[in-house]
PDB file of all heavy atoms in Angstrom:
ATOM      1  N   ALA A   1       0.818  -1.193  -0.003  1.00  0.00           N
ATOM      2  CA  ALA A   1      -0.013  -0.037  -0.008  1.00  0.00           C
ATOM      3  C   ALA A   1       0.864   1.271  -0.011  1.00  0.00           C
ATOM      4  O   ALA A   1       0.555   2.244  -0.695  1.00  0.00           O
ATOM      5  CB  ALA A   1      -0.940  -0.019   1.224  1.00  0.00           C
ATOM      6  N   ALA A   2       1.961   1.204   0.714  1.00  0.00           N
ATOM      7  CA  ALA A   2       2.874   2.370   0.797  1.00  0.00           C
ATOM      8  C   ALA A   2       3.507   2.671  -0.558  1.00  0.00           C
ATOM      9  O   ALA A   2       3.904   3.829  -0.743  1.00  0.00           O
ATOM     10  CB  ALA A   2       3.959   2.094   1.837  1.00  0.00           C
ATOM     11  N   LYS A   3       3.529   1.720  -1.416  1.00  0.00           N
ATOM     12  CA  LYS A   3       4.131   1.949  -2.791  1.00  0.00           C
ATOM     13  C   LYS A   3       3.108   2.645  -3.687  1.00  0.00           C
ATOM     14  O   LYS A   3       3.434   2.933  -4.845  1.00  0.00           O
ATOM     15  CB  LYS A   3       4.559   0.608  -3.385  1.00  0.00           C
ATOM     16  CG  LYS A   3       5.711  -0.012  -2.657  1.00  0.00           C
ATOM     17  CD  LYS A   3       6.120  -1.331  -3.312  1.00  0.00           C
ATOM     18  CE  LYS A   3       7.261  -1.960  -2.537  1.00  0.00           C
ATOM     19  NZ  LYS A   3       7.667  -3.279  -3.073  1.00  0.00           N
ATOM     20  N   MET A   4       1.895   2.875  -3.195  1.00  0.00           N
ATOM     21  CA  MET A   4       0.914   3.585  -3.995  1.00  0.00           C
ATOM     22  C   MET A   4       0.442   4.830  -3.272  1.00  0.00           C
ATOM     23  O   MET A   4      -0.704   4.808  -2.753  1.00  0.00           O
ATOM     24  CB  MET A   4      -0.253   2.576  -4.309  1.00  0.00           C
ATOM     25  CG  MET A   4       0.237   1.363  -5.027  1.00  0.00           C
ATOM     26  SD  MET A   4      -1.082   0.257  -5.555  1.00  0.00           S
ATOM     27  CE  MET A   4      -1.733   1.164  -6.907  1.00  0.00           C
ATOM     28  N   PRO A   5       1.233   5.849  -3.256  1.00  0.00           N
ATOM     29  CA  PRO A   5       0.859   7.084  -2.561  1.00  0.00           C
ATOM     30  C   PRO A   5      -0.496   7.609  -2.959  1.00  0.00           C
ATOM     31  O   PRO A   5      -0.804   7.637  -4.153  1.00  0.00           O
ATOM     32  CB  PRO A   5       1.962   8.061  -2.948  1.00  0.00           C
ATOM     33  CG  PRO A   5       3.112   7.205  -3.368  1.00  0.00           C
ATOM     34  CD  PRO A   5       2.489   5.980  -3.979  1.00  0.00           C
ATOM     35  N   GLY A   6      -1.254   7.967  -1.969  1.00  0.00           N
ATOM     36  CA  GLY A   6      -2.595   8.510  -2.218  1.00  0.00           C
ATOM     37  C   GLY A   6      -3.669   7.426  -2.276  1.00  0.00           C
ATOM     38  O   GLY A   6      -4.869   7.730  -2.258  1.00  0.00           O
ATOM     39  N   GLN A   7      -3.261   6.208  -2.449  1.00  0.00           N
ATOM     40  CA  GLN A   7      -4.256   5.099  -2.595  1.00  0.00           C
ATOM     41  C   GLN A   7      -4.034   4.034  -1.534  1.00  0.00           C
ATOM     42  O   GLN A   7      -4.543   2.929  -1.650  1.00  0.00           O
ATOM     43  CB  GLN A   7      -4.093   4.449  -3.973  1.00  0.00           C
ATOM     44  CG  GLN A   7      -4.391   5.422  -5.094  1.00  0.00           C
ATOM     45  CD  GLN A   7      -4.197   4.698  -6.469  1.00  0.00           C
ATOM     46  OE1 GLN A   7      -3.558   3.724  -6.566  1.00  0.00           O
ATOM     47  NE2 GLN A   7      -4.784   5.319  -7.489  1.00  0.00           N
ATOM     48  N   GLU A   8      -3.287   4.359  -0.478  1.00  0.00           N
ATOM     49  CA  GLU A   8      -2.968   3.416   0.536  1.00  0.00           C
ATOM     50  C   GLU A   8      -4.192   2.745   1.183  1.00  0.00           C
ATOM     51  O   GLU A   8      -4.271   1.529   1.310  1.00  0.00           O
ATOM     52  CB  GLU A   8      -2.109   4.032   1.699  1.00  0.00           C
ATOM     53  CG  GLU A   8      -0.771   4.565   1.287  1.00  0.00           C
ATOM     54  CD  GLU A   8      -0.766   6.007   0.842  1.00  0.00           C
ATOM     55  OE1 GLU A   8      -1.855   6.559   0.596  1.00  0.00           O
ATOM     56  OE2 GLU A   8       0.361   6.565   0.756  1.00  0.00           O
ATOM     57  N   GLN A   9      -5.182   3.605   1.507  1.00  0.00           N
ATOM     58  CA  GLN A   9      -6.379   3.045   2.184  1.00  0.00           C
ATOM     59  C   GLN A   9      -7.155   2.134   1.214  1.00  0.00           C
ATOM     60  O   GLN A   9      -7.622   1.096   1.635  1.00  0.00           O
ATOM     61  CB  GLN A   9      -7.271   4.214   2.613  1.00  0.00           C
ATOM     62  CG  GLN A   9      -8.389   3.766   3.539  1.00  0.00           C
ATOM     63  CD  GLN A   9      -7.845   3.084   4.826  1.00  0.00           C
ATOM     64  OE1 GLN A   9      -6.802   3.442   5.339  1.00  0.00           O
ATOM     65  NE2 GLN A   9      -8.532   2.057   5.309  1.00  0.00           N
ATOM     66  N   MET A  10      -7.209   2.487  -0.061  1.00  0.00           N
ATOM     67  CA  MET A  10      -7.887   1.655  -1.029  1.00  0.00           C
ATOM     68  C   MET A  10      -7.220   0.303  -1.199  1.00  0.00           C
ATOM     69  O   MET A  10      -7.863  -0.742  -1.286  1.00  0.00           O
ATOM     70  CB  MET A  10      -7.973   2.389  -2.358  1.00  0.00           C
ATOM     71  CG  MET A  10      -8.741   1.611  -3.430  1.00  0.00           C
ATOM     72  SD  MET A  10      -8.889   2.513  -4.990  1.00  0.00           S
ATOM     73  CE  MET A  10      -7.186   2.452  -5.575  1.00  0.00           C
ATOM     74  N   VAL A  11      -5.923   0.299  -1.210  1.00  0.00           N
ATOM     75  CA  VAL A  11      -5.148  -0.949  -1.336  1.00  0.00           C
ATOM     76  C   VAL A  11      -5.358  -1.825  -0.121  1.00  0.00           C
ATOM     77  O   VAL A  11      -5.640  -3.043  -0.198  1.00  0.00           O
ATOM     78  CB  VAL A  11      -3.666  -0.674  -1.560  1.00  0.00           C
ATOM     79  CG1 VAL A  11      -2.827  -1.972  -1.506  1.00  0.00           C
ATOM     80  CG2 VAL A  11      -3.414   0.032  -2.878  1.00  0.00           C
ATOM     81  N   LEU A  12      -5.299  -1.251   1.073  1.00  0.00           N
ATOM     82  CA  LEU A  12      -5.554  -2.013   2.293  1.00  0.00           C
ATOM     83  C   LEU A  12      -6.926  -2.560   2.327  1.00  0.00           C
ATOM     84  O   LEU A  12      -7.158  -3.714   2.753  1.00  0.00           O
ATOM     85  CB  LEU A  12      -5.221  -1.123   3.523  1.00  0.00           C
ATOM     86  CG  LEU A  12      -3.786  -0.819   3.762  1.00  0.00           C
ATOM     87  CD1 LEU A  12      -3.634   0.148   4.929  1.00  0.00           C
ATOM     88  CD2 LEU A  12      -2.958  -2.047   4.002  1.00  0.00           C
ATOM     89  N   GLN A  13      -7.906  -1.826   1.924  1.00  0.00           N
ATOM     90  CA  GLN A  13      -9.280  -2.302   1.920  1.00  0.00           C
ATOM     91  C   GLN A  13      -9.438  -3.453   0.867  1.00  0.00           C
ATOM     92  O   GLN A  13     -10.155  -4.399   1.140  1.00  0.00           O
ATOM     93  CB  GLN A  13     -10.317  -1.178   1.527  1.00  0.00           C
ATOM     94  CG  GLN A  13     -10.494  -0.225   2.731  1.00  0.00           C
ATOM     95  CD  GLN A  13     -11.415   0.904   2.296  1.00  0.00           C
ATOM     96  OE1 GLN A  13     -11.736   1.139   1.149  1.00  0.00           O
ATOM     97  NE2 GLN A  13     -11.794   1.709   3.306  1.00  0.00           N
ATOM     98  N   TYR A  14      -8.720  -3.348  -0.219  1.00  0.00           N
ATOM     99  CA  TYR A  14      -8.757  -4.404  -1.188  1.00  0.00           C
ATOM    100  C   TYR A  14      -8.316  -5.735  -0.532  1.00  0.00           C
ATOM    101  O   TYR A  14      -8.964  -6.786  -0.740  1.00  0.00           O
ATOM    102  CB  TYR A  14      -7.860  -4.049  -2.414  1.00  0.00           C
ATOM    103  CG  TYR A  14      -7.600  -5.248  -3.292  1.00  0.00           C
ATOM    104  CD1 TYR A  14      -8.597  -5.702  -4.200  1.00  0.00           C
ATOM    105  CD2 TYR A  14      -6.414  -5.937  -3.270  1.00  0.00           C
ATOM    106  CE1 TYR A  14      -8.349  -6.790  -5.034  1.00  0.00           C
ATOM    107  CE2 TYR A  14      -6.130  -7.007  -4.116  1.00  0.00           C
ATOM    108  CZ  TYR A  14      -7.129  -7.454  -4.967  1.00  0.00           C
ATOM    109  OH  TYR A  14      -6.892  -8.510  -5.772  1.00  0.00           O
ATOM    110  N   TYR A  15      -7.190  -5.692   0.142  1.00  0.00           N
ATOM    111  CA  TYR A  15      -6.690  -6.870   0.788  1.00  0.00           C
ATOM    112  C   TYR A  15      -7.636  -7.397   1.901  1.00  0.00           C
ATOM    113  O   TYR A  15      -7.828  -8.576   2.069  1.00  0.00           O
ATOM    114  CB  TYR A  15      -5.256  -6.676   1.385  1.00  0.00           C
ATOM    115  CG  TYR A  15      -4.230  -6.695   0.253  1.00  0.00           C
ATOM    116  CD1 TYR A  15      -3.516  -5.602  -0.088  1.00  0.00           C
ATOM    117  CD2 TYR A  15      -3.991  -7.859  -0.443  1.00  0.00           C
ATOM    118  CE1 TYR A  15      -2.546  -5.621  -1.098  1.00  0.00           C
ATOM    119  CE2 TYR A  15      -3.062  -7.931  -1.458  1.00  0.00           C
ATOM    120  CZ  TYR A  15      -2.328  -6.796  -1.814  1.00  0.00           C
ATOM    121  OH  TYR A  15      -1.387  -6.870  -2.800  1.00  0.00           O
ATOM    122  N   GLN A  16      -8.187  -6.428   2.683  1.00  0.00           N
ATOM    123  CA  GLN A  16      -9.083  -6.835   3.767  1.00  0.00           C
ATOM    124  C   GLN A  16     -10.307  -7.488   3.243  1.00  0.00           C
ATOM    125  O   GLN A  16     -10.915  -8.346   3.867  1.00  0.00           O
ATOM    126  CB  GLN A  16      -9.434  -5.579   4.606  1.00  0.00           C
ATOM    127  CG  GLN A  16      -8.267  -5.071   5.429  1.00  0.00           C
ATOM    128  CD  GLN A  16      -8.627  -3.756   6.135  1.00  0.00           C
ATOM    129  OE1 GLN A  16      -9.622  -3.121   5.809  1.00  0.00           O
ATOM    130  NE2 GLN A  16      -7.773  -3.321   7.004  1.00  0.00           N
ATOM    131  N   ASN A  17     -10.814  -7.054   2.096  1.00  0.00           N
ATOM    132  CA  ASN A  17     -12.101  -7.542   1.557  1.00  0.00           C
ATOM    133  C   ASN A  17     -11.944  -8.664   0.528  1.00  0.00           C
ATOM    134  O   ASN A  17     -12.928  -9.115   0.002  1.00  0.00           O
ATOM    135  CB  ASN A  17     -12.844  -6.376   0.891  1.00  0.00           C
ATOM    136  CG  ASN A  17     -13.239  -5.279   1.897  1.00  0.00           C
ATOM    137  OD1 ASN A  17     -13.471  -5.584   3.059  1.00  0.00           O
ATOM    138  ND2 ASN A  17     -13.226  -4.061   1.476  1.00  0.00           N
ATOM    139  N   ASN A  18     -10.718  -9.084   0.308  1.00  0.00           N
ATOM    140  CA  ASN A  18     -10.498 -10.100  -0.706  1.00  0.00           C
ATOM    141  C   ASN A  18      -9.609 -11.235  -0.173  1.00  0.00           C
ATOM    142  O   ASN A  18      -8.374 -11.174  -0.196  1.00  0.00           O
ATOM    143  CB  ASN A  18      -9.779  -9.450  -1.909  1.00  0.00           C
ATOM    144  CG  ASN A  18      -9.710 -10.321  -3.130  1.00  0.00           C
ATOM    145  OD1 ASN A  18      -9.810 -11.542  -3.036  1.00  0.00           O
ATOM    146  ND2 ASN A  18      -9.554  -9.682  -4.280  1.00  0.00           N
ATOM    147  N   PRO A  19     -10.277 -12.285   0.321  1.00  0.00           N
ATOM    148  CA  PRO A  19      -9.463 -13.406   0.921  1.00  0.00           C
ATOM    149  C   PRO A  19      -8.494 -14.051  -0.061  1.00  0.00           C
ATOM    150  O   PRO A  19      -7.445 -14.488   0.357  1.00  0.00           O
ATOM    151  CB  PRO A  19     -10.600 -14.417   1.308  1.00  0.00           C
ATOM    152  CG  PRO A  19     -11.830 -13.635   1.343  1.00  0.00           C
ATOM    153  CD  PRO A  19     -11.690 -12.487   0.378  1.00  0.00           C
ATOM    154  N   GLU A  20      -8.828 -14.062  -1.339  1.00  0.00           N
ATOM    155  CA  GLU A  20      -7.878 -14.588  -2.308  1.00  0.00           C
ATOM    156  C   GLU A  20      -6.632 -13.787  -2.397  1.00  0.00           C
ATOM    157  O   GLU A  20      -5.522 -14.298  -2.564  1.00  0.00           O
ATOM    158  CB  GLU A  20      -8.553 -14.715  -3.724  1.00  0.00           C
ATOM    159  CG  GLU A  20      -9.591 -15.786  -3.733  1.00  0.00           C
ATOM    160  CD  GLU A  20     -10.251 -15.845  -5.139  1.00  0.00           C
ATOM    161  OE1 GLU A  20      -9.775 -15.128  -6.100  1.00  0.00           O
ATOM    162  OE2 GLU A  20     -11.222 -16.604  -5.260  1.00  0.00           O
ATOM    163  N   ALA A  21      -6.764 -12.472  -2.335  1.00  0.00           N
ATOM    164  CA  ALA A  21      -5.567 -11.576  -2.345  1.00  0.00           C
ATOM    165  C   ALA A  21      -4.744 -11.810  -1.139  1.00  0.00           C
ATOM    166  O   ALA A  21      -3.525 -11.810  -1.232  1.00  0.00           O
ATOM    167  CB  ALA A  21      -5.994 -10.102  -2.464  1.00  0.00           C
ATOM    168  N   MET A  22      -5.338 -11.996   0.021  1.00  0.00           N
ATOM    169  CA  MET A  22      -4.617 -12.256   1.254  1.00  0.00           C
ATOM    170  C   MET A  22      -3.902 -13.595   1.142  1.00  0.00           C
ATOM    171  O   MET A  22      -2.750 -13.743   1.576  1.00  0.00           O
ATOM    172  CB  MET A  22      -5.539 -12.263   2.459  1.00  0.00           C
ATOM    173  CG  MET A  22      -6.091 -10.950   2.796  1.00  0.00           C
ATOM    174  SD  MET A  22      -4.888  -9.724   3.287  1.00  0.00           S
ATOM    175  CE  MET A  22      -4.753 -10.098   5.024  1.00  0.00           C
ATOM    176  N   GLN A  23      -4.521 -14.585   0.482  1.00  0.00           N
ATOM    177  CA  GLN A  23      -3.912 -15.899   0.338  1.00  0.00           C
ATOM    178  C   GLN A  23      -2.720 -15.770  -0.641  1.00  0.00           C
ATOM    179  O   GLN A  23      -1.697 -16.434  -0.470  1.00  0.00           O
ATOM    180  CB  GLN A  23      -4.946 -16.907  -0.213  1.00  0.00           C
ATOM    181  CG  GLN A  23      -4.506 -18.314  -0.135  1.00  0.00           C
ATOM    182  CD  GLN A  23      -4.294 -18.773   1.288  1.00  0.00           C
ATOM    183  OE1 GLN A  23      -4.870 -18.261   2.231  1.00  0.00           O
ATOM    184  NE2 GLN A  23      -3.408 -19.719   1.459  1.00  0.00           N
ATOM    185  N   ASP A  24      -2.824 -14.874  -1.670  1.00  0.00           N
ATOM    186  CA  ASP A  24      -1.719 -14.650  -2.561  1.00  0.00           C
ATOM    187  C   ASP A  24      -0.526 -14.053  -1.800  1.00  0.00           C
ATOM    188  O   ASP A  24       0.638 -14.411  -2.042  1.00  0.00           O
ATOM    189  CB  ASP A  24      -2.120 -13.655  -3.689  1.00  0.00           C
ATOM    190  CG  ASP A  24      -3.025 -14.309  -4.724  1.00  0.00           C
ATOM    191  OD1 ASP A  24      -3.116 -15.607  -4.705  1.00  0.00           O
ATOM    192  OD2 ASP A  24      -3.640 -13.602  -5.507  1.00  0.00           O
ATOM    193  N   LEU A  25      -0.792 -13.141  -0.855  1.00  0.00           N
ATOM    194  CA  LEU A  25       0.274 -12.570  -0.040  1.00  0.00           C
ATOM    195  C   LEU A  25       0.932 -13.693   0.789  1.00  0.00           C
ATOM    196  O   LEU A  25       2.178 -13.679   0.945  1.00  0.00           O
ATOM    197  CB  LEU A  25      -0.263 -11.459   0.903  1.00  0.00           C
ATOM    198  CG  LEU A  25      -0.629 -10.139   0.229  1.00  0.00           C
ATOM    199  CD1 LEU A  25      -1.095  -9.190   1.298  1.00  0.00           C
ATOM    200  CD2 LEU A  25       0.559  -9.546  -0.494  1.00  0.00           C
ATOM    201  N   ARG A  26       0.083 -14.510   1.365  1.00  0.00           N
ATOM    202  CA  ARG A  26       0.668 -15.657   2.196  1.00  0.00           C
ATOM    203  C   ARG A  26       1.588 -16.545   1.347  1.00  0.00           C
ATOM    204  O   ARG A  26       2.661 -16.877   1.721  1.00  0.00           O
ATOM    205  CB  ARG A  26      -0.496 -16.486   2.760  1.00  0.00           C
ATOM    206  CG  ARG A  26      -0.004 -17.633   3.605  1.00  0.00           C
ATOM    207  CD  ARG A  26      -1.146 -18.472   4.216  1.00  0.00           C
ATOM    208  NE  ARG A  26      -2.023 -17.705   5.050  1.00  0.00           N
ATOM    209  CZ  ARG A  26      -1.790 -17.456   6.327  1.00  0.00           C
ATOM    210  NH1 ARG A  26      -0.650 -17.887   6.923  1.00  0.00           N
ATOM    211  NH2 ARG A  26      -2.628 -16.738   7.060  1.00  0.00           N
ATOM    212  N   GLY A  27       1.104 -16.832   0.108  1.00  0.00           N
ATOM    213  CA  GLY A  27       1.917 -17.644  -0.826  1.00  0.00           C
ATOM    214  C   GLY A  27       3.240 -16.972  -1.191  1.00  0.00           C
ATOM    215  O   GLY A  27       4.288 -17.596  -1.200  1.00  0.00           O
ATOM    216  N   PHE A  28       3.157 -15.683  -1.443  1.00  0.00           N
ATOM    217  CA  PHE A  28       4.353 -14.910  -1.787  1.00  0.00           C
ATOM    218  C   PHE A  28       5.329 -14.952  -0.626  1.00  0.00           C
ATOM    219  O   PHE A  28       6.572 -15.224  -0.834  1.00  0.00           O
ATOM    220  CB  PHE A  28       3.966 -13.459  -2.107  1.00  0.00           C
ATOM    221  CG  PHE A  28       5.148 -12.559  -2.238  1.00  0.00           C
ATOM    222  CD1 PHE A  28       5.949 -12.529  -3.319  1.00  0.00           C
ATOM    223  CD2 PHE A  28       5.439 -11.721  -1.121  1.00  0.00           C
ATOM    224  CE1 PHE A  28       7.063 -11.686  -3.402  1.00  0.00           C
ATOM    225  CE2 PHE A  28       6.548 -10.853  -1.238  1.00  0.00           C
ATOM    226  CZ  PHE A  28       7.361 -10.806  -2.353  1.00  0.00           C
ATOM    227  N   LEU A  29       4.889 -14.705   0.553  1.00  0.00           N
ATOM    228  CA  LEU A  29       5.709 -14.668   1.767  1.00  0.00           C
ATOM    229  C   LEU A  29       6.343 -16.089   1.996  1.00  0.00           C
ATOM    230  O   LEU A  29       7.515 -16.237   2.365  1.00  0.00           O
ATOM    231  CB  LEU A  29       5.001 -14.189   2.970  1.00  0.00           C
ATOM    232  CG  LEU A  29       4.642 -12.684   2.872  1.00  0.00           C
ATOM    233  CD1 LEU A  29       3.687 -12.359   4.016  1.00  0.00           C
ATOM    234  CD2 LEU A  29       5.901 -11.827   2.907  1.00  0.00           C
ATOM    235  N   MET A  30       5.546 -17.095   1.791  1.00  0.00           N
ATOM    236  CA  MET A  30       6.017 -18.470   1.937  1.00  0.00           C
ATOM    237  C   MET A  30       7.125 -18.775   0.964  1.00  0.00           C
ATOM    238  O   MET A  30       8.163 -19.370   1.325  1.00  0.00           O
ATOM    239  CB  MET A  30       4.827 -19.488   1.784  1.00  0.00           C
ATOM    240  CG  MET A  30       5.170 -20.887   2.136  1.00  0.00           C
ATOM    241  SD  MET A  30       5.489 -21.121   3.919  1.00  0.00           S
ATOM    242  CE  MET A  30       3.842 -20.932   4.567  1.00  0.00           C
ATOM    243  N   GLU A  31       6.934 -18.375  -0.303  1.00  0.00           N
ATOM    244  CA  GLU A  31       7.968 -18.607  -1.311  1.00  0.00           C
ATOM    245  C   GLU A  31       9.240 -17.860  -0.924  1.00  0.00           C
ATOM    246  O   GLU A  31      10.352 -18.394  -1.056  1.00  0.00           O
ATOM    247  CB  GLU A  31       7.467 -18.105  -2.660  1.00  0.00           C
ATOM    248  CG  GLU A  31       6.457 -19.024  -3.272  1.00  0.00           C
ATOM    249  CD  GLU A  31       5.918 -18.480  -4.591  1.00  0.00           C
ATOM    250  OE1 GLU A  31       6.514 -17.494  -5.132  1.00  0.00           O
ATOM    251  OE2 GLU A  31       4.909 -18.987  -5.118  1.00  0.00           O
ATOM    252  N   GLU A  32       9.129 -16.688  -0.413  1.00  0.00           N
ATOM    253  CA  GLU A  32      10.287 -15.907  -0.011  1.00  0.00           C
ATOM    254  C   GLU A  32      11.066 -16.604   1.098  1.00  0.00           C
ATOM    255  O   GLU A  32      12.320 -16.709   1.053  1.00  0.00           O
ATOM    256  CB  GLU A  32       9.894 -14.494   0.472  1.00  0.00           C
ATOM    257  CG  GLU A  32       9.365 -13.569  -0.626  1.00  0.00           C
ATOM    258  CD  GLU A  32      10.514 -13.171  -1.612  1.00  0.00           C
ATOM    259  OE1 GLU A  32      11.572 -12.747  -1.096  1.00  0.00           O
ATOM    260  OE2 GLU A  32      10.325 -13.313  -2.812  1.00  0.00           O
ATOM    261  N   LYS A  33      10.366 -17.141   2.077  1.00  0.00           N
ATOM    262  CA  LYS A  33      10.987 -17.850   3.188  1.00  0.00           C
ATOM    263  C   LYS A  33      11.616 -19.125   2.685  1.00  0.00           C
ATOM    264  O   LYS A  33      12.729 -19.503   3.154  1.00  0.00           O
ATOM    265  CB  LYS A  33       9.952 -18.171   4.287  1.00  0.00           C
ATOM    266  CG  LYS A  33       9.584 -16.939   5.068  1.00  0.00           C
ATOM    267  CD  LYS A  33       8.675 -17.305   6.193  1.00  0.00           C
ATOM    268  CE  LYS A  33       8.388 -16.084   7.083  1.00  0.00           C
ATOM    269  NZ  LYS A  33       7.721 -16.474   8.319  1.00  0.00           N
ATOM    270  N   MET A  34      10.985 -19.840   1.719  1.00  0.00           N
ATOM    271  CA  MET A  34      11.550 -21.041   1.230  1.00  0.00           C
ATOM    272  C   MET A  34      12.853 -20.724   0.442  1.00  0.00           C
ATOM    273  O   MET A  34      13.854 -21.470   0.563  1.00  0.00           O
ATOM    274  CB  MET A  34      10.571 -21.799   0.333  1.00  0.00           C
ATOM    275  CG  MET A  34       9.467 -22.445   1.146  1.00  0.00           C
ATOM    276  SD  MET A  34       8.120 -23.235   0.173  1.00  0.00           S
ATOM    277  CE  MET A  34       8.861 -23.723  -1.324  1.00  0.00           C
ATOM    278  N   LEU A  35      12.823 -19.672  -0.398  1.00  0.00           N
ATOM    279  CA  LEU A  35      14.015 -19.301  -1.118  1.00  0.00           C
ATOM    280  C   LEU A  35      15.133 -18.885  -0.154  1.00  0.00           C
ATOM    281  O   LEU A  35      16.324 -19.295  -0.392  1.00  0.00           O
ATOM    282  CB  LEU A  35      13.716 -18.116  -2.042  1.00  0.00           C
ATOM    283  CG  LEU A  35      12.938 -18.516  -3.330  1.00  0.00           C
ATOM    284  CD1 LEU A  35      12.554 -17.241  -4.081  1.00  0.00           C
ATOM    285  CD2 LEU A  35      13.728 -19.431  -4.172  1.00  0.00           C
ATOM    286  N   ASP A  36      14.803 -18.168   0.937  1.00  0.00           N
ATOM    287  CA  ASP A  36      15.809 -17.795   1.939  1.00  0.00           C
ATOM    288  C   ASP A  36      16.423 -19.059   2.516  1.00  0.00           C
ATOM    289  O   ASP A  36      17.684 -19.100   2.718  1.00  0.00           O
ATOM    290  CB  ASP A  36      15.220 -16.928   2.991  1.00  0.00           C
ATOM    291  CG  ASP A  36      14.897 -15.512   2.501  1.00  0.00           C
ATOM    292  OD1 ASP A  36      15.349 -15.111   1.463  1.00  0.00           O
ATOM    293  OD2 ASP A  36      14.096 -14.857   3.247  1.00  0.00           O
ATOM    294  N   LEU A  37      15.627 -20.074   2.791  1.00  0.00           N
ATOM    295  CA  LEU A  37      16.133 -21.333   3.373  1.00  0.00           C
ATOM    296  C   LEU A  37      17.108 -22.056   2.379  1.00  0.00           C
ATOM    297  O   LEU A  37      18.130 -22.480   2.749  1.00  0.00           O
ATOM    298  CB  LEU A  37      14.979 -22.240   3.705  1.00  0.00           C
ATOM    299  CG  LEU A  37      15.339 -23.595   4.286  1.00  0.00           C
ATOM    300  CD1 LEU A  37      15.996 -23.463   5.664  1.00  0.00           C
ATOM    301  CD2 LEU A  37      14.143 -24.496   4.328  1.00  0.00           C
ATOM    302  N   VAL A  38      16.697 -22.106   1.116  1.00  0.00           N
ATOM    303  CA  VAL A  38      17.518 -22.758   0.146  1.00  0.00           C
ATOM    304  C   VAL A  38      18.842 -22.056  -0.014  1.00  0.00           C
ATOM    305  O   VAL A  38      19.895 -22.696  -0.034  1.00  0.00           O
ATOM    306  CB  VAL A  38      16.780 -22.820  -1.261  1.00  0.00           C
ATOM    307  CG1 VAL A  38      17.718 -23.259  -2.330  1.00  0.00           C
ATOM    308  CG2 VAL A  38      15.572 -23.747  -1.159  1.00  0.00           C
ATOM    309  N   ILE A  39      18.781 -20.748  -0.067  1.00  0.00           N
ATOM    310  CA  ILE A  39      20.037 -19.948  -0.177  1.00  0.00           C
ATOM    311  C   ILE A  39      20.906 -20.178   1.028  1.00  0.00           C
ATOM    312  O   ILE A  39      22.126 -20.288   0.937  1.00  0.00           O
ATOM    313  CB  ILE A  39      19.724 -18.496  -0.395  1.00  0.00           C
ATOM    314  CG1 ILE A  39      19.123 -18.277  -1.818  1.00  0.00           C
ATOM    315  CG2 ILE A  39      20.940 -17.618  -0.253  1.00  0.00           C
ATOM    316  CD1 ILE A  39      18.539 -16.916  -2.072  1.00  0.00           C
ATOM    317  N   GLU A  40      20.245 -20.173   2.235  1.00  0.00           N
ATOM    318  CA  GLU A  40      21.022 -20.376   3.481  1.00  0.00           C
ATOM    319  C   GLU A  40      21.696 -21.740   3.498  1.00  0.00           C
ATOM    320  O   GLU A  40      22.839 -21.859   3.947  1.00  0.00           O
ATOM    321  CB  GLU A  40      20.050 -20.249   4.647  1.00  0.00           C
ATOM    322  CG  GLU A  40      20.648 -20.529   5.989  1.00  0.00           C
ATOM    323  CD  GLU A  40      19.590 -20.475   7.085  1.00  0.00           C
ATOM    324  OE1 GLU A  40      18.783 -19.522   7.111  1.00  0.00           O
ATOM    325  OE2 GLU A  40      19.567 -21.432   7.917  1.00  0.00           O
ATOM    326  N   LYS A  41      21.035 -22.731   2.998  1.00  0.00           N
ATOM    327  CA  LYS A  41      21.578 -24.109   3.060  1.00  0.00           C
ATOM    328  C   LYS A  41      22.442 -24.510   1.890  1.00  0.00           C
ATOM    329  O   LYS A  41      23.118 -25.495   1.923  1.00  0.00           O
ATOM    330  CB  LYS A  41      20.399 -25.102   3.226  1.00  0.00           C
ATOM    331  CG  LYS A  41      19.713 -24.993   4.573  1.00  0.00           C
ATOM    332  CD  LYS A  41      18.795 -26.139   4.803  1.00  0.00           C
ATOM    333  CE  LYS A  41      18.190 -25.939   6.164  1.00  0.00           C
ATOM    334  NZ  LYS A  41      18.135 -27.200   6.920  1.00  0.00           N
ATOM    335  N   ALA A  42      22.448 -23.687   0.876  1.00  0.00           N
ATOM    336  CA  ALA A  42      23.225 -23.932  -0.326  1.00  0.00           C
ATOM    337  C   ALA A  42      24.687 -23.934   0.003  1.00  0.00           C
ATOM    338  O   ALA A  42      25.137 -23.090   0.818  1.00  0.00           O
ATOM    339  CB  ALA A  42      22.946 -22.954  -1.427  1.00  0.00           C
TER     340      ALA A  42
END
């Protein structure tokens, strides 16, 4: 939301009202953590 100046509230409401978008964020963060683990163990 911070990357969209002037539209922060709209972006946050989008995520709050859209369970699929929240699930996408969860998937993105999970992928990031998995990549961090792979890099750490490489």
